[in-house]
Amino acid sequence: MAGFTNIGFGNLVHTDKIVAVIAPDSAPAKRIVQKAKEDERIIDATQGRRTRSVLIMEGNQIVLSSLQTDTLLGRFEE
């Protein structure tokens, strides 16, 4: 399945559609997530666990992952 990366718990994203991967702890990241929730543009792939990465996708979708940003980077580079 070239072009797809596992972001945790069997959830996959199309790697070419990722614009940025950011840590969720900063104030700007929290605002992005809150606004996406209000606009119903958020995809929660954490399976109820703590959000450790926020993926900003083309088309203005936001994906939440429970994997660290470094872990995701390693998977993208494979």
N, C-alpha and C. Protein backbone atom coordinates (compact mmCIF):
# COMPACT_ATOMS: atom_id res chain seq x y z
N MET A 1 0.84 -1.18 0.00
CA MET A 1 0.00 0.00 0.00
C MET A 1 0.89 1.25 0.00
N ALA A 2 1.54 1.47 -1.08
CA ALA A 2 2.43 2.63 -1.19
C ALA A 2 1.63 3.92 -1.03
N GLY A 3 2.22 4.85 -0.32
CA GLY A 3 1.58 6.14 -0.15
C GLY A 3 0.76 6.27 1.11
N PHE A 4 0.59 5.18 1.86
CA PHE A 4 -0.17 5.23 3.10
C PHE A 4 0.74 4.91 4.28
N THR A 5 0.49 5.57 5.42
CA THR A 5 1.27 5.35 6.62
C THR A 5 0.34 5.09 7.79
N ASN A 6 0.71 4.12 8.62
CA ASN A 6 -0.04 3.79 9.82
C ASN A 6 0.23 4.87 10.86
N ILE A 7 -0.83 5.50 11.36
CA ILE A 7 -0.69 6.54 12.38
C ILE A 7 -1.14 6.04 13.75
N GLY A 8 -1.28 4.72 13.86
CA GLY A 8 -1.65 4.10 15.13
C GLY A 8 -2.97 3.37 15.06
N PHE A 9 -3.01 2.20 15.70
CA PHE A 9 -4.22 1.39 15.83
C PHE A 9 -4.81 1.00 14.48
N GLY A 10 -3.97 0.82 13.48
CA GLY A 10 -4.43 0.41 12.16
C GLY A 10 -5.03 1.52 11.33
N ASN A 11 -4.96 2.74 11.80
CA ASN A 11 -5.46 3.88 11.04
C ASN A 11 -4.38 4.36 10.07
N LEU A 12 -4.78 4.63 8.84
CA LEU A 12 -3.83 5.01 7.80
C LEU A 12 -4.18 6.38 7.24
N VAL A 13 -3.13 7.11 6.84
CA VAL A 13 -3.33 8.38 6.13
C VAL A 13 -2.50 8.34 4.86
N HIS A 14 -2.96 9.06 3.86
CA HIS A 14 -2.24 9.16 2.61
C HIS A 14 -1.09 10.14 2.82
N THR A 15 0.13 9.65 2.73
CA THR A 15 1.31 10.43 3.06
C THR A 15 1.44 11.69 2.20
N ASP A 16 1.05 11.61 0.94
CA ASP A 16 1.17 12.77 0.05
C ASP A 16 0.21 13.89 0.41
N LYS A 17 -0.79 13.63 1.22
CA LYS A 17 -1.80 14.64 1.58
C LYS A 17 -1.46 15.37 2.88
N ILE A 18 -0.36 14.99 3.54
CA ILE A 18 0.02 15.62 4.81
C ILE A 18 0.76 16.92 4.52
N VAL A 19 0.28 18.00 5.14
CA VAL A 19 0.91 19.30 5.01
C VAL A 19 1.90 19.52 6.15
N ALA A 20 1.51 19.14 7.38
CA ALA A 20 2.37 19.33 8.55
C ALA A 20 2.00 18.35 9.65
N VAL A 21 2.98 18.05 10.50
CA VAL A 21 2.75 17.27 11.72
C VAL A 21 3.29 18.11 12.86
N ILE A 22 2.41 18.42 13.83
CA ILE A 22 2.81 19.29 14.93
C ILE A 22 2.46 18.65 16.26
N ALA A 23 3.17 19.08 17.29
CA ALA A 23 2.88 18.64 18.66
C ALA A 23 1.63 19.38 19.15
N PRO A 24 0.80 18.73 19.93
CA PRO A 24 -0.48 19.34 20.34
C PRO A 24 -0.39 20.27 21.54
N ASP A 25 0.80 20.47 22.10
CA ASP A 25 0.93 21.19 23.36
C ASP A 25 0.93 22.71 23.23
N SER A 26 1.28 23.23 22.07
CA SER A 26 1.38 24.69 21.92
C SER A 26 -0.01 25.32 21.82
N ALA A 27 -0.08 26.59 22.15
CA ALA A 27 -1.35 27.32 22.06
C ALA A 27 -1.89 27.36 20.63
N PRO A 28 -1.05 27.61 19.61
CA PRO A 28 -1.57 27.60 18.24
C PRO A 28 -2.16 26.24 17.83
N ALA A 29 -1.50 25.16 18.26
CA ALA A 29 -2.00 23.82 17.93
C ALA A 29 -3.36 23.59 18.61
N LYS A 30 -3.48 24.03 19.84
CA LYS A 30 -4.75 23.87 20.57
C LYS A 30 -5.86 24.66 19.89
N ARG A 31 -5.53 25.87 19.38
CA ARG A 31 -6.54 26.67 18.66
C ARG A 31 -6.94 25.99 17.36
N ILE A 32 -5.97 25.43 16.65
CA ILE A 32 -6.26 24.72 15.40
C ILE A 32 -7.21 23.56 15.65
N VAL A 33 -6.92 22.77 16.69
CA VAL A 33 -7.75 21.61 17.02
C VAL A 33 -9.15 22.05 17.44
N GLN A 34 -9.25 23.08 18.28
CA GLN A 34 -10.56 23.56 18.73
C GLN A 34 -11.40 24.07 17.57
N LYS A 35 -10.78 24.84 16.69
CA LYS A 35 -11.50 25.37 15.52
C LYS A 35 -11.96 24.23 14.61
N ALA A 36 -11.11 23.21 14.43
CA ALA A 36 -11.48 22.07 13.60
C ALA A 36 -12.65 21.30 14.21
N LYS A 37 -12.67 21.19 15.54
CA LYS A 37 -13.80 20.52 16.21
C LYS A 37 -15.09 21.31 15.98
N GLU A 38 -15.01 22.61 16.11
CA GLU A 38 -16.19 23.46 15.91
C GLU A 38 -16.71 23.36 14.47
N ASP A 39 -15.79 23.26 13.51
CA ASP A 39 -16.16 23.20 12.10
C ASP A 39 -16.38 21.78 11.59
N GLU A 40 -16.28 20.79 12.50
CA GLU A 40 -16.44 19.36 12.16
C GLU A 40 -15.49 18.92 11.05
N ARG A 41 -14.22 19.34 11.16
CA ARG A 41 -13.18 18.97 10.20
C ARG A 41 -12.14 18.06 10.84
N ILE A 42 -12.44 17.52 12.01
CA ILE A 42 -11.44 16.76 12.76
C ILE A 42 -11.68 15.26 12.63
N ILE A 43 -10.60 14.53 12.54
CA ILE A 43 -10.65 13.06 12.52
C ILE A 43 -9.82 12.59 13.70
N ASP A 44 -10.46 11.95 14.67
CA ASP A 44 -9.78 11.51 15.88
C ASP A 44 -9.38 10.05 15.72
N ALA A 45 -8.08 9.80 15.53
CA ALA A 45 -7.58 8.43 15.35
C ALA A 45 -6.82 7.97 16.59
N THR A 46 -7.15 8.52 17.76
CA THR A 46 -6.42 8.20 18.99
C THR A 46 -6.98 7.00 19.73
N GLN A 47 -8.15 6.55 19.37
CA GLN A 47 -8.82 5.44 20.07
C GLN A 47 -8.97 5.74 21.57
N GLY A 48 -9.24 7.00 21.89
CA GLY A 48 -9.48 7.40 23.27
C GLY A 48 -8.23 7.66 24.08
N ARG A 49 -7.07 7.56 23.47
CA ARG A 49 -5.82 7.83 24.17
C ARG A 49 -5.42 9.30 24.02
N ARG A 50 -4.37 9.66 24.70
CA ARG A 50 -3.89 11.04 24.68
C ARG A 50 -3.39 11.42 23.28
N THR A 51 -3.74 12.62 22.84
CA THR A 51 -3.27 13.11 21.54
C THR A 51 -1.82 13.54 21.68
N ARG A 52 -0.95 12.96 20.83
CA ARG A 52 0.47 13.30 20.87
C ARG A 52 0.96 13.94 19.58
N SER A 53 0.13 13.89 18.54
CA SER A 53 0.48 14.52 17.26
C SER A 53 -0.79 15.03 16.59
N VAL A 54 -0.64 16.16 15.91
CA VAL A 54 -1.72 16.73 15.13
C VAL A 54 -1.24 16.78 13.68
N LEU A 55 -1.97 16.11 12.79
CA LEU A 55 -1.61 16.11 11.38
C LEU A 55 -2.54 17.06 10.65
N ILE A 56 -1.95 18.01 9.96
CA ILE A 56 -2.73 18.94 9.15
C ILE A 56 -2.67 18.42 7.72
N MET A 57 -3.84 18.17 7.14
CA MET A 57 -3.94 17.54 5.84
C MET A 57 -4.39 18.56 4.79
N GLU A 58 -4.12 18.21 3.52
CA GLU A 58 -4.69 18.99 2.42
C GLU A 58 -6.20 18.94 2.56
N GLY A 59 -6.87 19.95 2.10
CA GLY A 59 -8.32 19.99 2.22
C GLY A 59 -8.76 20.48 3.59
N ASN A 60 -7.78 20.96 4.41
CA ASN A 60 -8.08 21.57 5.70
C ASN A 60 -8.62 20.60 6.73
N GLN A 61 -8.38 19.30 6.58
CA GLN A 61 -8.76 18.32 7.59
C GLN A 61 -7.66 18.25 8.64
N ILE A 62 -8.04 17.94 9.87
CA ILE A 62 -7.10 17.77 10.97
C ILE A 62 -7.26 16.35 11.50
N VAL A 63 -6.14 15.65 11.63
CA VAL A 63 -6.15 14.27 12.13
C VAL A 63 -5.36 14.24 13.43
N LEU A 64 -5.95 13.64 14.46
CA LEU A 64 -5.29 13.48 15.76
C LEU A 64 -4.74 12.07 15.86
N SER A 65 -3.49 11.96 16.32
CA SER A 65 -2.85 10.66 16.49
C SER A 65 -2.30 10.54 17.90
N SER A 66 -2.26 9.32 18.42
CA SER A 66 -1.68 9.09 19.75
C SER A 66 -0.20 8.76 19.67
N LEU A 67 0.38 8.78 18.48
CA LEU A 67 1.82 8.52 18.33
C LEU A 67 2.59 9.84 18.39
N GLN A 68 3.81 9.77 18.92
CA GLN A 68 4.69 10.94 18.97
C GLN A 68 5.03 11.41 17.56
N THR A 69 5.33 12.68 17.42
CA THR A 69 5.70 13.22 16.10
C THR A 69 6.95 12.54 15.56
N ASP A 70 7.92 12.23 16.42
CA ASP A 70 9.15 11.55 15.98
C ASP A 70 8.85 10.15 15.44
N THR A 71 7.94 9.45 16.09
CA THR A 71 7.55 8.12 15.64
C THR A 71 6.90 8.19 14.26
N LEU A 72 6.02 9.16 14.08
CA LEU A 72 5.38 9.33 12.78
C LEU A 72 6.39 9.69 11.70
N LEU A 73 7.34 10.56 12.04
CA LEU A 73 8.37 10.93 11.07
C LEU A 73 9.14 9.70 10.60
N GLY A 74 9.50 8.84 11.52
CA GLY A 74 10.19 7.60 11.16
C GLY A 74 9.37 6.73 10.24
N ARG A 75 8.07 6.67 10.48
CA ARG A 75 7.20 5.86 9.61
C ARG A 75 7.05 6.49 8.24
N PHE A 76 7.03 7.81 8.17
CA PHE A 76 6.91 8.48 6.87
C PHE A 76 8.15 8.26 6.03
N GLU A 77 9.31 8.18 6.69
CA GLU A 77 10.57 8.03 5.96
C GLU A 77 10.83 6.62 5.45
N GLU A 78 10.07 5.64 5.96
CA GLU A 78 10.27 4.24 5.53
C GLU A 78 9.87 4.03 4.10
